[in-house]
Amino acid sequence: MTKRLQVLLEDDELAEIQELARRRRQTTAAWVREALRKAREETVYPDAIRKLRAVREASSFSYPVADIEPMLGEIEMGYSGELPT
């Protein structure tokens, strides 16, 4: 099943794409489909294993923590320019 995709382009941008398609003896639609397929193939998605490794490594460290209410109060003081004592 095919679906229609509507993309709005500036006049000069569309004219450039039409010229590129004409040079390759393609319709504008065929050129756009080809460009989208190529872009999709070239897109690199981060590896889930690398993400999980980074999360596990980060969770192995001991970071300073505070209760949420004092922390939010300090953040608000920072926004207002007050310094905690």
N, C-alpha and C. Protein backbone atom coordinates (compact mmCIF):
# COMPACT_ATOMS: atom_id res chain seq x y z
N MET A 1 0.85 -1.18 0.00
CA MET A 1 0.00 0.00 0.00
C MET A 1 0.90 1.24 0.00
N THR A 2 0.56 2.20 -0.78
CA THR A 2 1.33 3.44 -0.82
C THR A 2 0.54 4.55 -0.15
N LYS A 3 1.26 5.51 0.38
CA LYS A 3 0.65 6.67 1.04
C LYS A 3 1.23 7.93 0.42
N ARG A 4 0.46 8.98 0.45
CA ARG A 4 0.89 10.27 -0.08
C ARG A 4 1.55 11.06 1.03
N LEU A 5 2.65 11.73 0.70
CA LEU A 5 3.35 12.61 1.63
C LEU A 5 3.40 13.99 1.01
N GLN A 6 2.92 14.98 1.73
CA GLN A 6 2.95 16.35 1.23
C GLN A 6 4.06 17.11 1.95
N VAL A 7 4.94 17.70 1.18
CA VAL A 7 6.06 18.48 1.72
C VAL A 7 6.01 19.86 1.09
N LEU A 8 6.01 20.89 1.92
CA LEU A 8 5.98 22.25 1.41
C LEU A 8 7.40 22.78 1.27
N LEU A 9 7.71 23.32 0.10
CA LEU A 9 9.04 23.83 -0.19
C LEU A 9 8.94 25.26 -0.71
N GLU A 10 9.98 26.01 -0.49
CA GLU A 10 10.07 27.34 -1.10
C GLU A 10 10.21 27.16 -2.62
N ASP A 11 9.79 28.16 -3.37
CA ASP A 11 9.83 28.07 -4.83
C ASP A 11 11.22 27.75 -5.36
N ASP A 12 12.23 28.45 -4.84
CA ASP A 12 13.59 28.23 -5.35
C ASP A 12 14.11 26.85 -5.00
N GLU A 13 13.74 26.35 -3.83
CA GLU A 13 14.17 25.01 -3.42
C GLU A 13 13.53 23.95 -4.31
N LEU A 14 12.24 24.10 -4.58
CA LEU A 14 11.55 23.16 -5.46
C LEU A 14 12.14 23.21 -6.86
N ALA A 15 12.42 24.39 -7.37
CA ALA A 15 13.00 24.53 -8.70
C ALA A 15 14.34 23.81 -8.79
N GLU A 16 15.14 23.91 -7.73
CA GLU A 16 16.45 23.23 -7.72
C GLU A 16 16.27 21.72 -7.73
N ILE A 17 15.33 21.22 -6.95
CA ILE A 17 15.07 19.77 -6.91
C ILE A 17 14.55 19.30 -8.27
N GLN A 18 13.66 20.07 -8.87
CA GLN A 18 13.14 19.70 -10.19
C GLN A 18 14.26 19.67 -11.22
N GLU A 19 15.19 20.60 -11.15
CA GLU A 19 16.32 20.62 -12.09
C GLU A 19 17.22 19.40 -11.87
N LEU A 20 17.48 19.06 -10.62
CA LEU A 20 18.29 17.88 -10.33
C LEU A 20 17.62 16.62 -10.87
N ALA A 21 16.31 16.52 -10.70
CA ALA A 21 15.58 15.36 -11.22
C ALA A 21 15.63 15.33 -12.74
N ARG A 22 15.46 16.50 -13.37
CA ARG A 22 15.49 16.58 -14.83
C ARG A 22 16.83 16.11 -15.37
N ARG A 23 17.91 16.52 -14.72
CA ARG A 23 19.25 16.12 -15.17
C ARG A 23 19.44 14.61 -15.11
N ARG A 24 18.77 13.97 -14.18
CA ARG A 24 18.88 12.51 -14.05
C ARG A 24 17.77 11.79 -14.81
N ARG A 25 16.98 12.58 -15.54
CA ARG A 25 15.86 12.04 -16.32
C ARG A 25 14.90 11.25 -15.45
N GLN A 26 14.56 11.88 -14.31
CA GLN A 26 13.62 11.30 -13.37
C GLN A 26 12.50 12.30 -13.14
N THR A 27 11.39 11.78 -12.65
CA THR A 27 10.36 12.69 -12.19
C THR A 27 10.82 13.27 -10.85
N THR A 28 10.24 14.38 -10.47
CA THR A 28 10.57 14.98 -9.19
C THR A 28 10.23 14.00 -8.06
N ALA A 29 9.10 13.32 -8.17
CA ALA A 29 8.68 12.37 -7.14
C ALA A 29 9.69 11.23 -7.00
N ALA A 30 10.17 10.71 -8.14
CA ALA A 30 11.15 9.62 -8.10
C ALA A 30 12.45 10.09 -7.45
N TRP A 31 12.87 11.31 -7.80
CA TRP A 31 14.10 11.86 -7.21
C TRP A 31 13.96 12.00 -5.70
N VAL A 32 12.82 12.51 -5.25
CA VAL A 32 12.58 12.71 -3.82
C VAL A 32 12.54 11.37 -3.10
N ARG A 33 11.85 10.38 -3.67
CA ARG A 33 11.80 9.05 -3.04
C ARG A 33 13.20 8.48 -2.90
N GLU A 34 14.00 8.60 -3.94
CA GLU A 34 15.37 8.10 -3.92
C GLU A 34 16.20 8.82 -2.85
N ALA A 35 16.06 10.14 -2.77
CA ALA A 35 16.80 10.92 -1.78
C ALA A 35 16.39 10.52 -0.36
N LEU A 36 15.10 10.30 -0.14
CA LEU A 36 14.64 9.90 1.19
C LEU A 36 15.14 8.50 1.55
N ARG A 37 15.12 7.58 0.60
CA ARG A 37 15.65 6.23 0.86
C ARG A 37 17.12 6.28 1.22
N LYS A 38 17.87 7.06 0.47
CA LYS A 38 19.31 7.18 0.73
C LYS A 38 19.55 7.79 2.11
N ALA A 39 18.82 8.83 2.46
CA ALA A 39 18.97 9.46 3.77
C ALA A 39 18.62 8.47 4.88
N ARG A 40 17.58 7.68 4.68
CA ARG A 40 17.18 6.69 5.68
C ARG A 40 18.26 5.63 5.86
N GLU A 41 18.87 5.18 4.77
CA GLU A 41 19.93 4.17 4.85
C GLU A 41 21.17 4.71 5.54
N GLU A 42 21.44 5.99 5.37
CA GLU A 42 22.65 6.59 5.93
C GLU A 42 22.49 7.01 7.39
N THR A 43 21.26 7.00 7.89
CA THR A 43 21.02 7.41 9.26
C THR A 43 21.53 6.34 10.21
N VAL A 44 22.37 6.77 11.14
CA VAL A 44 22.95 5.84 12.11
C VAL A 44 22.21 6.02 13.43
N TYR A 45 21.70 4.93 13.94
CA TYR A 45 21.02 4.95 15.22
C TYR A 45 21.97 4.43 16.28
N PRO A 46 21.99 5.08 17.44
CA PRO A 46 22.88 4.61 18.50
C PRO A 46 22.56 3.17 18.88
N ASP A 47 23.60 2.44 19.15
CA ASP A 47 23.49 1.04 19.53
C ASP A 47 22.93 0.94 20.95
N ALA A 48 21.90 0.14 21.15
CA ALA A 48 21.27 0.00 22.47
C ALA A 48 22.26 -0.55 23.48
N ILE A 49 23.14 -1.42 23.08
CA ILE A 49 24.11 -2.00 24.00
C ILE A 49 25.05 -0.92 24.52
N ARG A 50 25.47 -0.02 23.65
CA ARG A 50 26.34 1.09 24.09
C ARG A 50 25.62 1.98 25.09
N LYS A 51 24.34 2.25 24.84
CA LYS A 51 23.56 3.08 25.76
C LYS A 51 23.46 2.40 27.13
N LEU A 52 23.13 1.12 27.14
CA LEU A 52 23.00 0.40 28.40
C LEU A 52 24.33 0.36 29.15
N ARG A 53 25.42 0.16 28.44
CA ARG A 53 26.74 0.15 29.06
C ARG A 53 27.02 1.49 29.73
N ALA A 54 26.68 2.58 29.05
CA ALA A 54 26.91 3.92 29.61
C ALA A 54 26.06 4.14 30.86
N VAL A 55 24.82 3.68 30.85
CA VAL A 55 23.96 3.83 32.02
C VAL A 55 24.50 3.01 33.18
N ARG A 56 24.91 1.78 32.90
CA ARG A 56 25.47 0.94 33.97
C ARG A 56 26.74 1.55 34.55
N GLU A 57 27.59 2.07 33.68
CA GLU A 57 28.83 2.69 34.16
C GLU A 57 28.52 3.93 35.00
N ALA A 58 27.61 4.75 34.56
CA ALA A 58 27.26 5.95 35.31
C ALA A 58 26.65 5.60 36.66
N SER A 59 25.86 4.54 36.71
CA SER A 59 25.22 4.18 37.98
C SER A 59 26.20 3.56 38.95
N SER A 60 27.39 3.20 38.50
CA SER A 60 28.38 2.60 39.40
C SER A 60 29.12 3.67 40.22
N PHE A 61 29.00 4.94 39.83
CA PHE A 61 29.67 6.01 40.55
C PHE A 61 28.82 6.49 41.71
N SER A 62 29.47 7.11 42.66
CA SER A 62 28.76 7.65 43.81
C SER A 62 28.69 9.17 43.66
N TYR A 63 27.52 9.66 43.33
CA TYR A 63 27.33 11.09 43.14
C TYR A 63 26.71 11.69 44.39
N PRO A 64 26.99 12.96 44.67
CA PRO A 64 26.34 13.58 45.84
C PRO A 64 24.84 13.73 45.56
N VAL A 65 24.06 13.48 46.57
CA VAL A 65 22.61 13.57 46.43
C VAL A 65 22.05 14.39 47.57
N ALA A 66 20.84 14.86 47.40
CA ALA A 66 20.16 15.61 48.45
C ALA A 66 18.68 15.29 48.36
N ASP A 67 17.97 15.64 49.43
CA ASP A 67 16.52 15.50 49.38
C ASP A 67 16.01 16.53 48.36
N ILE A 68 14.90 16.20 47.73
CA ILE A 68 14.40 17.02 46.63
C ILE A 68 14.01 18.43 47.06
N GLU A 69 13.38 18.59 48.21
CA GLU A 69 12.93 19.92 48.62
C GLU A 69 14.10 20.90 48.82
N PRO A 70 15.16 20.53 49.58
CA PRO A 70 16.29 21.46 49.69
C PRO A 70 16.95 21.74 48.34
N MET A 71 17.02 20.71 47.49
CA MET A 71 17.64 20.89 46.18
C MET A 71 16.84 21.88 45.34
N LEU A 72 15.51 21.74 45.34
CA LEU A 72 14.68 22.68 44.58
C LEU A 72 14.79 24.09 45.14
N GLY A 73 14.90 24.19 46.47
CA GLY A 73 15.07 25.51 47.09
C GLY A 73 16.38 26.16 46.65
N GLU A 74 17.45 25.37 46.59
CA GLU A 74 18.74 25.91 46.15
C GLU A 74 18.68 26.34 44.68
N ILE A 75 17.97 25.58 43.88
CA ILE A 75 17.83 25.94 42.47
C ILE A 75 17.10 27.27 42.35
N GLU A 76 16.02 27.43 43.09
CA GLU A 76 15.27 28.69 43.07
C GLU A 76 16.13 29.86 43.53
N MET A 77 16.94 29.63 44.60
CA MET A 77 17.83 30.69 45.07
C MET A 77 18.83 31.08 43.98
N GLY A 78 19.29 30.09 43.23
CA GLY A 78 20.22 30.36 42.14
C GLY A 78 19.57 31.21 41.06
N TYR A 79 18.31 30.92 40.74
CA TYR A 79 17.60 31.71 39.73
C TYR A 79 17.39 33.15 40.20
N SER A 80 17.13 33.31 41.49
CA SER A 80 16.84 34.64 42.00
C SER A 80 18.12 35.44 42.31
N GLY A 81 19.27 34.79 42.25
CA GLY A 81 20.53 35.48 42.51
C GLY A 81 20.96 35.40 43.96
N GLU A 82 20.14 34.79 44.81
CA GLU A 82 20.52 34.64 46.22
C GLU A 82 21.52 33.49 46.33
N LEU A 83 22.42 33.59 47.25
CA LEU A 83 23.37 32.50 47.50
C LEU A 83 23.00 31.78 48.78
N PRO A 84 23.05 30.45 48.76
CA PRO A 84 22.73 29.72 50.00
C PRO A 84 23.81 29.98 51.04
N THR A 85 23.41 29.97 52.32
CA THR A 85 24.37 30.21 53.41
C THR A 85 24.79 28.92 54.04
